[in-house]
N, C-alpha and C. Protein backbone atom coordinates (compact mmCIF):
# COMPACT_ATOMS: atom_id res chain seq x y z
N MET A 1 -200.68 13.90 -154.79
CA MET A 1 -199.51 14.60 -155.37
C MET A 1 -199.86 16.07 -155.65
N LEU A 2 -200.95 16.28 -156.35
CA LEU A 2 -201.35 17.64 -156.72
C LEU A 2 -201.66 18.47 -155.47
N LYS A 3 -202.40 17.85 -154.53
CA LYS A 3 -202.75 18.55 -153.29
C LYS A 3 -201.49 18.98 -152.54
N ARG A 4 -200.54 18.06 -152.43
CA ARG A 4 -199.30 18.35 -151.70
C ARG A 4 -198.55 19.51 -152.36
N LYS A 5 -198.49 19.49 -153.68
CA LYS A 5 -197.80 20.55 -154.43
C LYS A 5 -198.41 21.92 -154.11
N THR A 6 -199.73 22.00 -154.22
CA THR A 6 -200.40 23.28 -153.98
C THR A 6 -200.17 23.75 -152.55
N PHE A 7 -200.22 22.79 -151.61
CA PHE A 7 -200.01 23.14 -150.20
C PHE A 7 -198.61 23.74 -150.00
N LEU A 8 -197.61 23.07 -150.57
CA LEU A 8 -196.24 23.55 -150.45
C LEU A 8 -196.10 24.94 -151.07
N LYS A 9 -196.74 25.10 -152.21
CA LYS A 9 -196.70 26.38 -152.92
C LYS A 9 -197.28 27.49 -152.03
N LYS A 10 -198.46 27.22 -151.45
CA LYS A 10 -199.10 28.21 -150.58
C LYS A 10 -198.19 28.58 -149.42
N LYS A 11 -197.61 27.55 -148.80
CA LYS A 11 -196.74 27.76 -147.65
C LYS A 11 -195.57 28.68 -148.02
N SER A 12 -194.95 28.39 -149.16
CA SER A 12 -193.79 29.16 -149.60
C SER A 12 -194.20 30.62 -149.87
N THR A 13 -195.38 30.81 -150.48
CA THR A 13 -195.81 32.18 -150.79
C THR A 13 -196.06 32.94 -149.49
N ILE A 14 -196.64 32.26 -148.50
CA ILE A 14 -196.90 32.92 -147.21
C ILE A 14 -195.58 33.34 -146.57
N ASN A 15 -194.58 32.47 -146.64
CA ASN A 15 -193.29 32.77 -146.03
C ASN A 15 -192.57 33.90 -146.77
N ASN A 16 -192.69 33.92 -148.09
CA ASN A 16 -191.93 34.88 -148.90
C ASN A 16 -192.70 36.16 -149.20
N LEU A 17 -193.93 36.27 -148.70
CA LEU A 17 -194.77 37.41 -149.05
C LEU A 17 -194.14 38.72 -148.57
N SER A 18 -193.72 38.74 -147.30
CA SER A 18 -193.14 39.97 -146.75
C SER A 18 -191.84 40.32 -147.48
N GLN A 19 -191.02 39.31 -147.76
CA GLN A 19 -189.77 39.55 -148.50
C GLN A 19 -190.07 40.14 -149.87
N ARG A 20 -191.10 39.58 -150.53
CA ARG A 20 -191.46 40.01 -151.88
C ARG A 20 -191.93 41.47 -151.85
N THR A 21 -192.80 41.80 -150.90
CA THR A 21 -193.31 43.17 -150.82
C THR A 21 -192.18 44.14 -150.52
N ALA A 22 -191.26 43.73 -149.64
CA ALA A 22 -190.13 44.59 -149.30
C ALA A 22 -189.27 44.84 -150.54
N ARG A 23 -189.03 43.77 -151.32
CA ARG A 23 -188.22 43.90 -152.54
C ARG A 23 -188.90 44.83 -153.53
N ILE A 24 -190.21 44.66 -153.70
CA ILE A 24 -190.96 45.51 -154.65
C ILE A 24 -190.90 46.96 -154.20
N ARG A 25 -191.07 47.17 -152.89
CA ARG A 25 -191.05 48.54 -152.35
C ARG A 25 -189.69 49.17 -152.62
N ARG A 26 -188.61 48.40 -152.35
CA ARG A 26 -187.25 48.91 -152.57
C ARG A 26 -187.03 49.25 -154.03
N LEU A 27 -187.54 48.37 -154.92
CA LEU A 27 -187.38 48.57 -156.35
C LEU A 27 -188.09 49.84 -156.80
N LYS A 28 -189.32 50.03 -156.31
CA LYS A 28 -190.09 51.22 -156.66
C LYS A 28 -189.39 52.48 -156.17
N GLN A 29 -188.86 52.42 -154.94
CA GLN A 29 -188.17 53.58 -154.37
C GLN A 29 -186.95 53.95 -155.21
N SER A 30 -186.16 52.94 -155.57
CA SER A 30 -184.95 53.19 -156.36
C SER A 30 -185.32 53.75 -157.73
N LYS A 31 -186.41 53.22 -158.31
CA LYS A 31 -186.87 53.69 -159.61
C LYS A 31 -187.29 55.16 -159.53
N ALA A 32 -188.02 55.49 -158.45
CA ALA A 32 -188.49 56.87 -158.26
C ALA A 32 -187.31 57.81 -158.06
N ARG A 33 -186.33 57.35 -157.27
CA ARG A 33 -185.13 58.16 -157.01
C ARG A 33 -184.38 58.43 -158.31
N ARG A 34 -184.25 57.37 -159.14
CA ARG A 34 -183.56 57.50 -160.43
C ARG A 34 -184.30 58.48 -161.33
N ALA A 35 -185.63 58.38 -161.36
CA ALA A 35 -186.45 59.27 -162.18
C ALA A 35 -186.26 60.71 -161.74
N ALA A 36 -186.25 60.94 -160.43
CA ALA A 36 -186.08 62.29 -159.90
C ALA A 36 -184.71 62.85 -160.31
N ARG A 37 -183.68 62.00 -160.23
CA ARG A 37 -182.33 62.42 -160.59
C ARG A 37 -182.28 62.81 -162.07
N HIS A 38 -182.94 62.00 -162.90
CA HIS A 38 -182.96 62.29 -164.34
C HIS A 38 -183.65 63.61 -164.62
N VAL A 39 -184.77 63.86 -163.96
CA VAL A 39 -185.50 65.11 -164.14
C VAL A 39 -184.60 66.29 -163.78
N LEU A 40 -183.91 66.16 -162.65
CA LEU A 40 -183.01 67.22 -162.20
C LEU A 40 -181.92 67.47 -163.24
N GLN A 41 -181.37 66.40 -163.78
CA GLN A 41 -180.32 66.50 -164.79
C GLN A 41 -180.83 67.25 -166.03
N PHE A 42 -182.05 66.90 -166.46
CA PHE A 42 -182.63 67.55 -167.63
C PHE A 42 -182.84 69.04 -167.37
N VAL A 43 -183.29 69.39 -166.17
CA VAL A 43 -183.49 70.79 -165.82
C VAL A 43 -182.17 71.55 -165.90
N VAL A 44 -181.12 70.96 -165.36
CA VAL A 44 -179.79 71.58 -165.39
C VAL A 44 -179.34 71.77 -166.84
N GLN A 45 -179.55 70.76 -167.68
CA GLN A 45 -179.18 70.86 -169.09
C GLN A 45 -179.94 72.00 -169.78
N ASP A 46 -181.25 72.10 -169.47
CA ASP A 46 -182.06 73.16 -170.07
C ASP A 46 -181.52 74.53 -169.67
N ILE A 47 -181.10 74.68 -168.42
CA ILE A 47 -180.57 75.96 -167.95
C ILE A 47 -179.24 76.26 -168.64
N CYS A 48 -178.40 75.25 -168.78
CA CYS A 48 -177.06 75.45 -169.36
C CYS A 48 -177.15 75.83 -170.84
N TYR A 49 -178.03 75.16 -171.58
CA TYR A 49 -178.08 75.41 -173.02
C TYR A 49 -179.03 76.53 -173.37
């Protein structure tokens, strides 16, 4: 039972590894983009005030 569980787990991780990395990469990119936008907004505010 235990052996079968671990085997299935390994198989699933192998199959989902590329999907997981792609999702993480997309998340990091969106986070970086958001951070850049915020920085730009703050710069504009500093200039205006």
